[in-house]
């Protein structure tokens, strides 16, 4: 058994662990961090546009920077030859690839984070969400 073959299961587990951490940071860490920053800028208990605006804008800017950095790193690690032509961007008469195209790990992390956050928010809303002001008796 070669050294590479012996390390393959360890590298696979390490890859999975990094992907799980990336999903948690991408899906929960960035929004929670910006909500905390916005709450620190808010003057009192009443909602203010400043705190909400900073939180929303910060989330969008952070995701944009992260995705740009990931795309740059992906291109440096495995450069593509010329522009990528997606199936939706080709004419109907052009030859199409058979079977699904392979997604990148960045796309997998973004999709997994979206699904995890959607399920977590739905569970929280349905089971633990406060209905707010009670209706009149």
Protein backbone atom coordinates (compact mmCIF):
# COMPACT_ATOMS: atom_id res chain seq x y z
CA UNK A 1 0.00 0.00 0.00
CA UNK A 2 1.47 3.33 -1.04
CA UNK A 3 1.60 6.41 1.15
CA UNK A 4 -0.90 8.22 -1.06
CA UNK A 5 -3.40 5.36 -0.83
CA UNK A 6 -2.98 5.27 2.95
CA UNK A 7 -3.66 9.01 3.25
CA UNK A 8 -6.68 9.01 0.93
CA UNK A 9 -9.29 8.26 3.68
CA UNK A 10 -7.76 10.90 5.95
CA UNK A 11 -7.81 13.47 3.15
CA UNK A 12 -11.43 12.59 2.38
CA UNK A 13 -12.43 13.13 6.02
CA UNK A 14 -10.47 16.38 6.10
CA UNK A 15 -12.26 17.55 2.95
CA UNK A 16 -15.64 16.73 4.47
CA UNK A 17 -14.75 18.54 7.71
CA UNK A 18 -13.62 21.65 5.78
CA UNK A 19 -16.84 21.56 3.72
CA UNK A 20 -18.99 21.33 6.87
CA UNK A 21 -17.17 24.26 8.47
CA UNK A 22 -17.48 26.25 5.24
CA UNK A 23 -21.24 25.58 5.10
CA UNK A 24 -21.67 26.71 8.71
CA UNK A 25 -19.59 29.87 8.23
CA UNK A 26 -21.19 30.64 4.87
CA UNK A 27 -24.74 29.94 5.98
CA UNK A 28 -24.79 31.15 9.57
CA UNK A 29 -21.52 32.84 10.50
CA UNK A 30 -21.65 35.75 8.08
CA UNK A 31 -25.31 36.67 8.69
CA UNK A 32 -24.99 36.35 12.47
CA UNK A 33 -21.79 38.43 12.50
CA UNK A 34 -23.41 41.24 10.50
CA UNK A 35 -26.57 41.13 12.60
CA UNK A 36 -24.37 41.53 15.68
CA UNK A 37 -22.56 44.50 14.08
CA UNK A 38 -25.92 46.07 13.17
CA UNK A 39 -27.22 45.54 16.71
CA UNK A 40 -24.16 47.32 18.11
CA UNK A 41 -24.88 50.32 15.88
CA UNK A 42 -28.53 50.47 16.91
CA UNK A 43 -29.19 53.03 19.64
CA UNK A 44 -32.00 51.34 21.56
CA UNK A 45 -34.68 48.72 21.35
CA UNK A 46 -36.59 50.39 18.52
CA UNK A 47 -35.52 49.19 15.05
CA UNK A 48 -33.39 51.71 13.20
CA UNK A 49 -32.66 51.84 9.52
CA UNK A 50 -28.95 52.33 10.20
CA UNK A 51 -28.46 49.03 12.00
CA UNK A 52 -30.66 47.09 9.59
CA UNK A 53 -29.03 48.69 6.57
CA UNK A 54 -25.52 47.94 7.80
CA UNK A 55 -26.48 44.31 8.49
CA UNK A 56 -28.13 43.77 5.10
CA UNK A 57 -25.47 45.58 3.10
CA UNK A 58 -22.69 43.85 5.04
CA UNK A 59 -24.12 40.41 4.30
CA UNK A 60 -24.38 41.13 0.58
CA UNK A 61 -20.89 42.65 0.38
CA UNK A 62 -19.36 39.78 2.41
CA UNK A 63 -20.94 37.15 0.16
CA UNK A 64 -19.78 39.05 -2.95
CA UNK A 65 -16.20 39.24 -1.67
CA UNK A 66 -16.19 35.57 -0.62
CA UNK A 67 -17.55 34.33 -3.94
CA UNK A 68 -15.09 36.48 -5.88
CA UNK A 69 -12.21 35.14 -3.79
CA UNK A 70 -13.42 31.54 -4.21
CA UNK A 71 -13.78 31.97 -7.98
CA UNK A 72 -10.27 33.47 -8.18
CA UNK A 73 -8.81 30.62 -6.11
CA UNK A 74 -10.62 28.01 -8.20
CA UNK A 75 -9.26 29.52 -11.41
CA UNK A 76 -5.72 29.55 -9.99
CA UNK A 77 -5.95 25.93 -8.81
CA UNK A 78 -7.55 24.54 -11.98
CA UNK A 79 -7.48 27.01 -14.85
CA UNK A 80 -10.09 26.69 -17.59
CA UNK A 81 -9.30 26.96 -21.27
CA UNK A 82 -11.28 29.89 -22.64
CA UNK A 83 -14.77 30.97 -21.62
CA UNK A 84 -17.15 28.42 -20.18
CA UNK A 85 -20.21 27.82 -22.36
CA UNK A 86 -23.13 26.68 -20.24
CA UNK A 87 -25.98 24.67 -21.75
CA UNK A 88 -28.44 27.53 -21.32
CA UNK A 89 -26.10 29.83 -23.26
CA UNK A 90 -25.83 27.58 -26.34
CA UNK A 91 -28.11 27.49 -29.31
CA UNK A 92 -30.66 24.71 -29.52
CA UNK A 93 -28.86 23.19 -32.49
CA UNK A 94 -25.53 22.98 -30.68
CA UNK A 95 -24.43 19.63 -29.36
CA UNK A 96 -25.30 19.13 -25.73
CA UNK A 97 -23.42 17.13 -23.19
CA UNK A 98 -25.12 14.02 -21.97
CA UNK A 99 -25.69 13.75 -18.23
CA UNK A 100 -25.37 16.37 -15.53
CA UNK A 101 -22.33 18.61 -15.44
CA UNK A 102 -20.04 18.38 -12.43
CA UNK A 103 -20.50 21.22 -9.96
CA UNK A 104 -17.62 22.87 -8.16
CA UNK A 105 -17.13 22.67 -4.41
CA UNK A 106 -17.99 26.37 -4.16
CA UNK A 107 -21.38 25.74 -5.77
CA UNK A 108 -21.91 22.74 -3.50
CA UNK A 109 -21.13 24.81 -0.38
CA UNK A 110 -23.47 27.63 -1.45
CA UNK A 111 -26.29 25.18 -2.24
CA UNK A 112 -25.81 23.23 0.99
CA UNK A 113 -25.69 26.43 3.07
CA UNK A 114 -28.89 27.67 1.44
CA UNK A 115 -30.69 24.40 2.15
CA UNK A 116 -29.44 24.16 5.75
CA UNK A 117 -30.44 27.75 6.51
CA UNK A 118 -33.85 27.30 4.85
CA UNK A 119 -34.60 24.14 6.86
CA UNK A 120 -33.32 25.66 10.12
CA UNK A 121 -35.36 28.86 9.66
CA UNK A 122 -38.48 26.87 8.80
CA UNK A 123 -38.11 24.65 11.87
CA UNK A 124 -37.48 27.66 14.10
CA UNK A 125 -40.43 29.55 12.64
CA UNK A 126 -42.84 26.63 12.99
CA UNK A 127 -41.74 25.33 16.40
CA UNK A 128 -40.18 28.20 18.33
CA UNK A 129 -41.31 31.42 16.64
CA UNK A 130 -43.18 33.91 18.77
CA UNK A 131 -46.45 34.93 17.10
CA UNK A 132 -45.99 38.51 18.32
CA UNK A 133 -48.83 40.59 19.68
CA UNK A 134 -51.76 38.39 20.76
CA UNK A 135 -55.07 38.85 19.01
CA UNK A 136 -57.89 40.60 20.83
CA UNK A 137 -59.91 38.26 23.13
